[in-house]
C-alpha atoms as a PDB file:
ATOM      1  CA  MET A   1       8.603 -16.485  -3.540  1.00  0.00           C
ATOM      2  CA  ASN A   2       7.552 -12.860  -2.985  1.00  0.00           C
ATOM      3  CA  TYR A   3       4.084 -11.581  -3.802  1.00  0.00           C
ATOM      4  CA  PHE A   4       1.686  -8.670  -3.401  1.00  0.00           C
ATOM      5  CA  VAL A   5      -2.067  -8.703  -2.819  1.00  0.00           C
ATOM      6  CA  PHE A   6      -4.160  -5.883  -4.310  1.00  0.00           C
ATOM      7  CA  ASP A   7      -7.927  -5.933  -3.809  1.00  0.00           C
ATOM      8  CA  GLY A   8      -7.814  -9.699  -3.269  1.00  0.00           C
ATOM      9  CA  PHE A   9      -5.641 -10.381  -6.348  1.00  0.00           C
ATOM     10  CA  ARG A  10      -2.572 -12.322  -5.243  1.00  0.00           C
ATOM     11  CA  SER A  11       0.321 -12.021  -7.704  1.00  0.00           C
ATOM     12  CA  ASP A  12       1.891 -15.438  -7.081  1.00  0.00           C
ATOM     13  CA  ALA A  13      -1.467 -17.191  -7.502  1.00  0.00           C
ATOM     14  CA  ALA A  14      -1.592 -15.717 -11.022  1.00  0.00           C
ATOM     15  CA  GLY A  15       1.948 -16.971 -11.699  1.00  0.00           C
ATOM     16  CA  LEU A  16       3.685 -13.599 -11.519  1.00  0.00           C
ATOM     17  CA  LEU A  17       7.188 -13.376 -10.097  1.00  0.00           C
ATOM     18  CA  VAL A  18       7.852 -10.368  -7.857  1.00  0.00           C
ATOM     19  CA  GLU A  19      11.564  -9.614  -7.868  1.00  0.00           C
ATOM     20  CA  ARG A  20      11.620  -6.676  -5.458  1.00  0.00           C
ATOM     21  CA  ARG A  21       9.620  -3.856  -3.912  1.00  0.00           C
ATOM     22  CA  ARG A  22      10.653  -0.242  -4.263  1.00  0.00           C
ATOM     23  CA  SER A  23       9.047   2.362  -2.062  1.00  0.00           C
ATOM     24  CA  LEU A  24       9.707   5.624  -0.355  1.00  0.00           C
ATOM     25  CA  GLY A  25      10.352   5.099   3.347  1.00  0.00           C
ATOM     26  CA  LEU A  26       8.331   8.009   4.703  1.00  0.00           C
ATOM     27  CA  PRO A  27       5.664  10.214   3.128  1.00  0.00           C
ATOM     28  CA  GLN A  28       6.456  13.830   2.302  1.00  0.00           C
ATOM     29  CA  ARG A  29       4.853  16.500   4.443  1.00  0.00           C
ATOM     30  CA  ASP A  30       2.294  18.610   2.536  1.00  0.00           C
ATOM     31  CA  VAL A  31       3.851  22.062   2.840  1.00  0.00           C
ATOM     32  CA  ASP A  32       3.712  25.028   0.456  1.00  0.00           C
ATOM     33  CA  LYS A  33       6.797  27.235   0.293  1.00  0.00           C
ATOM     34  CA  ILE A  34       6.470  30.863  -0.720  1.00  0.00           C
ATOM     35  CA  SER A  35       9.542  32.928  -1.514  1.00  0.00           C
ATOM     36  CA  ILE A  36       9.232  36.603  -0.619  1.00  0.00           C
ATOM     37  CA  PRO A  37      11.746  39.013  -2.204  1.00  0.00           C
ATOM     38  CA  GLY A  38      13.916  40.738   0.380  1.00  0.00           C
ATOM     39  CA  ARG A  39      13.189  38.176   3.090  1.00  0.00           C
ATOM     40  CA  SER A  40      15.581  35.437   4.096  1.00  0.00           C
ATOM     41  CA  GLY A  41      14.031  31.972   4.046  1.00  0.00           C
ATOM     42  CA  ASP A  42      10.715  30.820   2.643  1.00  0.00           C
ATOM     43  CA  VAL A  43       7.325  31.296   4.269  1.00  0.00           C
ATOM     44  CA  LEU A  44       5.892  27.859   4.986  1.00  0.00           C
ATOM     45  CA  ILE A  45       2.206  27.015   4.855  1.00  0.00           C
ATOM     46  CA  ASP A  46       1.799  23.649   6.541  1.00  0.00           C
ATOM     47  CA  HIS A  47      -1.421  21.816   5.585  1.00  0.00           C
ATOM     48  CA  ASP A  48      -1.022  19.429   8.548  1.00  0.00           C
ATOM     49  CA  SER A  49      -1.069  16.391   6.262  1.00  0.00           C
ATOM     50  CA  TYR A  50       1.147  14.145   4.152  1.00  0.00           C
ATOM     51  CA  GLN A  51       1.310  13.427   0.433  1.00  0.00           C
ATOM     52  CA  ASN A  52       0.709  10.029  -1.132  1.00  0.00           C
ATOM     53  CA  VAL A  53       3.556   7.517  -1.410  1.00  0.00           C
ATOM     54  CA  ARG A  54       4.457   5.460  -4.465  1.00  0.00           C
ATOM     55  CA  VAL A  55       5.085   1.747  -3.972  1.00  0.00           C
ATOM     56  CA  ALA A  56       6.479  -0.159  -6.960  1.00  0.00           C
ATOM     57  CA  TYR A  57       7.056  -3.843  -7.602  1.00  0.00           C
ATOM     58  CA  ASP A  58       9.489  -5.147 -10.221  1.00  0.00           C
ATOM     59  CA  CYS A  59       7.781  -8.205 -11.704  1.00  0.00           C
ATOM     60  CA  ALA A  60       8.143 -10.861 -14.377  1.00  0.00           C
ATOM     61  CA  ALA A  61       5.617 -13.061 -16.175  1.00  0.00           C
ATOM     62  CA  ARG A  62       6.090 -16.251 -18.142  1.00  0.00           C
ATOM     63  CA  ASP A  63       3.211 -15.960 -20.600  1.00  0.00           C
ATOM     64  CA  ASN A  64       0.348 -13.801 -21.881  1.00  0.00           C
ATOM     65  CA  SER A  65      -2.291 -15.463 -19.696  1.00  0.00           C
ATOM     66  CA  GLU A  66      -0.540 -14.202 -16.541  1.00  0.00           C
ATOM     67  CA  LEU A  67      -0.490 -10.687 -17.991  1.00  0.00           C
ATOM     68  CA  GLU A  68      -4.192 -10.860 -18.827  1.00  0.00           C
ATOM     69  CA  LEU A  69      -5.048 -11.857 -15.231  1.00  0.00           C
ATOM     70  CA  LEU A  70      -2.987  -8.940 -13.970  1.00  0.00           C
ATOM     71  CA  LYS A  71      -4.616  -6.454 -16.351  1.00  0.00           C
ATOM     72  CA  GLN A  72      -8.087  -7.598 -15.293  1.00  0.00           C
ATOM     73  CA  ALA A  73      -7.217  -7.230 -11.601  1.00  0.00           C
ATOM     74  CA  LEU A  74      -5.666  -3.775 -11.990  1.00  0.00           C
ATOM     75  CA  THR A  75      -8.506  -2.334 -14.068  1.00  0.00           C
ATOM     76  CA  ALA A  76     -11.420  -4.004 -12.243  1.00  0.00           C
ATOM     77  CA  GLY A  77     -12.455  -0.999 -10.179  1.00  0.00           C
ATOM     78  CA  GLY A  78     -11.481   2.538  -9.374  1.00  0.00           C
ATOM     79  CA  GLY A  79     -10.568   4.036  -6.053  1.00  0.00           C
ATOM     80  CA  TYR A  80      -8.363   2.875  -3.206  1.00  0.00           C
ATOM     81  CA  TRP A  81      -8.005  -0.817  -2.354  1.00  0.00           C
ATOM     82  CA  LEU A  82      -6.055  -2.739   0.274  1.00  0.00           C
ATOM     83  CA  LEU A  83      -2.421  -3.505  -0.670  1.00  0.00           C
ATOM     84  CA  THR A  84      -0.263  -5.993   1.244  1.00  0.00           C
ATOM     85  CA  ASP A  85       2.851  -7.945   0.339  1.00  0.00           C
ATOM     86  CA  SER A  86       5.265 -10.618   1.533  1.00  0.00           C
ATOM     87  CA  PHE A  87       8.053  -8.096   2.161  1.00  0.00           C
ATOM     88  CA  SER A  88       6.572  -6.703   5.400  1.00  0.00           C
ATOM     89  CA  SER A  89       3.514  -6.801   7.615  1.00  0.00           C
ATOM     90  CA  TRP A  90       2.422  -3.274   6.627  1.00  0.00           C
ATOM     91  CA  GLN A  91      -0.888  -2.665   4.884  1.00  0.00           C
ATOM     92  CA  ARG A  92      -1.789   0.397   2.825  1.00  0.00           C
ATOM     93  CA  MET A  93      -4.729   1.711   0.851  1.00  0.00           C
ATOM     94  CA  ALA A  94      -3.538   1.895  -2.749  1.00  0.00           C
ATOM     95  CA  LEU A  95      -4.732   3.118  -6.114  1.00  0.00           C
ATOM     96  CA  TYR A  96      -3.474   1.739  -9.410  1.00  0.00           C
ATOM     97  CA  ALA A  97      -3.428   4.689 -11.783  1.00  0.00           C
ATOM     98  CA  SER A  98      -0.210   4.448 -13.766  1.00  0.00           C
ATOM     99  CA  ALA A  99       0.794   2.993 -17.107  1.00  0.00           C
ATOM    100  CA  LEU A 100       2.059  -0.569 -17.305  1.00  0.00           C
ATOM    101  CA  ASP A 101       5.065  -0.654 -19.637  1.00  0.00           C
ATOM    102  CA  ILE A 102       5.842  -4.286 -20.462  1.00  0.00           C
ATOM    103  CA  GLU A 103       9.231  -5.324 -21.809  1.00  0.00           C
ATOM    104  CA  GLU A 104       9.110  -8.503 -23.876  1.00  0.00           C
ATOM    105  CA  LEU A 105      12.268 -10.510 -23.150  1.00  0.00           C
ATOM    106  CA  ILE A 106      11.515 -13.617 -25.196  1.00  0.00           C
ATOM    107  CA  LEU A 107       8.869 -13.600 -27.922  1.00  0.00           C
ATOM    108  CA  GLN A 108       5.528 -14.302 -26.148  1.00  0.00           C
ATOM    109  CA  ARG A 109       7.424 -16.263 -23.442  1.00  0.00           C
ATOM    110  CA  ALA A 110       8.929 -13.902 -20.866  1.00  0.00           C
ATOM    111  CA  PHE A 111       8.000 -10.380 -19.813  1.00  0.00           C
ATOM    112  CA  ARG A 112       9.347  -7.855 -17.314  1.00  0.00           C
ATOM    113  CA  PHE A 113       7.517  -4.812 -15.952  1.00  0.00           C
ATOM    114  CA  THR A 114       7.091  -2.538 -12.939  1.00  0.00           C
ATOM    115  CA  ILE A 115       3.723  -2.058 -11.262  1.00  0.00           C
ATOM    116  CA  THR A 116       3.419   1.240  -9.393  1.00  0.00           C
ATOM    117  CA  PHE A 117       0.703   1.961  -6.857  1.00  0.00           C
ATOM    118  CA  ASP A 118      -0.209   5.393  -5.511  1.00  0.00           C
ATOM    119  CA  CYS A 119      -0.765   4.803  -1.784  1.00  0.00           C
ATOM    120  CA  LYS A 120      -2.251   6.854   1.003  1.00  0.00           C
ATOM    121  CA  PRO A 121       0.453   7.898   3.471  1.00  0.00           C
ATOM    122  CA  GLN A 122      -1.090   5.980   6.361  1.00  0.00           C
ATOM    123  CA  ARG A 123      -0.078   2.387   6.909  1.00  0.00           C
ATOM    124  CA  TRP A 124      -0.737  -0.146   9.625  1.00  0.00           C
ATOM    125  CA  HIS A 125       0.448  -3.554  10.714  1.00  0.00           C
ATOM    126  CA  ASP A 126      -1.507  -6.653   9.799  1.00  0.00           C
ATOM    127  CA  ARG A 127      -1.188  -8.166  13.229  1.00  0.00           C
ATOM    128  CA  ALA A 128      -4.224  -9.309  15.078  1.00  0.00           C
ATOM    129  CA  GLN A 129      -4.130  -8.864  18.827  1.00  0.00           C
ATOM    130  CA  GLN A 130      -6.292 -11.223  20.771  1.00  0.00           C
ATOM    131  CA  ILE A 131      -7.913 -10.094  23.974  1.00  0.00           C
ATOM    132  CA  SER A 132      -9.335 -12.629  26.372  1.00  0.00           C
ATOM    133  CA  GLY A 133     -10.533 -12.328  29.907  1.00  0.00           C
ATOM    134  CA  THR A 134     -10.337  -8.536  30.006  1.00  0.00           C
ATOM    135  CA  ASN A 135     -13.017  -5.909  30.246  1.00  0.00           C
ATOM    136  CA  SER A 136     -11.043  -3.062  28.727  1.00  0.00           C
ATOM    137  CA  MET A 137      -7.962  -2.285  26.695  1.00  0.00           C
ATOM    138  CA  VAL A 138      -6.069   0.931  25.971  1.00  0.00           C
ATOM    139  CA  ILE A 139      -4.817   1.405  22.418  1.00  0.00           C
ATOM    140  CA  ALA A 140      -2.356   4.251  21.950  1.00  0.00           C
ATOM    141  CA  ARG A 141      -0.420   5.627  19.011  1.00  0.00           C
ATOM    142  CA  PRO A 142       3.168   4.442  18.713  1.00  0.00           C
ATOM    143  CA  ALA A 143       5.817   6.811  20.066  1.00  0.00           C
ATOM    144  CA  GLY A 144       6.627   9.660  17.712  1.00  0.00           C
ATOM    145  CA  PHE A 145       3.305   9.611  15.837  1.00  0.00           C
ATOM    146  CA  THR A 146       0.989  12.573  16.340  1.00  0.00           C
ATOM    147  CA  GLN A 147      -1.717  11.693  13.809  1.00  0.00           C
ATOM    148  CA  GLY A 148      -3.766   8.679  12.862  1.00  0.00           C
ATOM    149  CA  ASP A 149      -5.869   6.256  14.799  1.00  0.00           C
ATOM    150  CA  PRO A 150      -5.540   2.479  15.029  1.00  0.00           C
ATOM    151  CA  ARG A 151      -7.618   0.257  12.800  1.00  0.00           C
ATOM    152  CA  ILE A 152      -9.851  -1.854  15.009  1.00  0.00           C
ATOM    153  CA  GLU A 153     -11.802  -4.902  13.874  1.00  0.00           C
ATOM    154  CA  ILE A 154     -13.902  -6.869  16.291  1.00  0.00           C
ATOM    155  CA  THR A 155     -14.986 -10.393  15.441  1.00  0.00           C
ATOM    156  CA  GLY A 156     -16.500 -12.990  17.692  1.00  0.00           C
ATOM    157  CA  HIS A 157     -19.718 -13.975  19.283  1.00  0.00           C
ATOM    158  CA  CYS A 158     -21.813 -12.844  22.198  1.00  0.00           C
ATOM    159  CA  LYS A 159     -23.455 -15.031  24.813  1.00  0.00           C
ATOM    160  CA  ILE A 160     -26.589 -13.635  26.352  1.00  0.00           C
ATOM    161  CA  ARG A 161     -27.109 -14.647  29.905  1.00  0.00           C
ATOM    162  CA  PRO A 162     -30.652 -15.026  31.252  1.00  0.00           C
END
């Protein structure tokens, strides 16, 4: 069964069914176009950044209690939170700031809705890379990417030698 996790809230743990994920493949470049009369082509002002991406999940719920858990999770706090799902290993920082239109299929028994998150354009893989027995490691951007840095988390312990 598919699921999404938003700020620690896991949809399948609350009983929600995630039918599919809809998202834009690549973020749109943040460029202003200015049309000048008498000149062929637009003047482009490139802001050297990308616009946010919308990621939507088509979901279903079997009763009101599942919807209440979802509403509490989505309205718990403002700002960007970590969004992951079972469809891929990508992670994004997402903001829930849209309306939740719920279609009642069977009176108080079955509901269908789409949850849409406004996500930052950056994304990264949720794959831990273990390093053992090395003193250094080079982390580079993937080919074709000119912006962004890797997310690095270091966990472990340190032995102090006398």
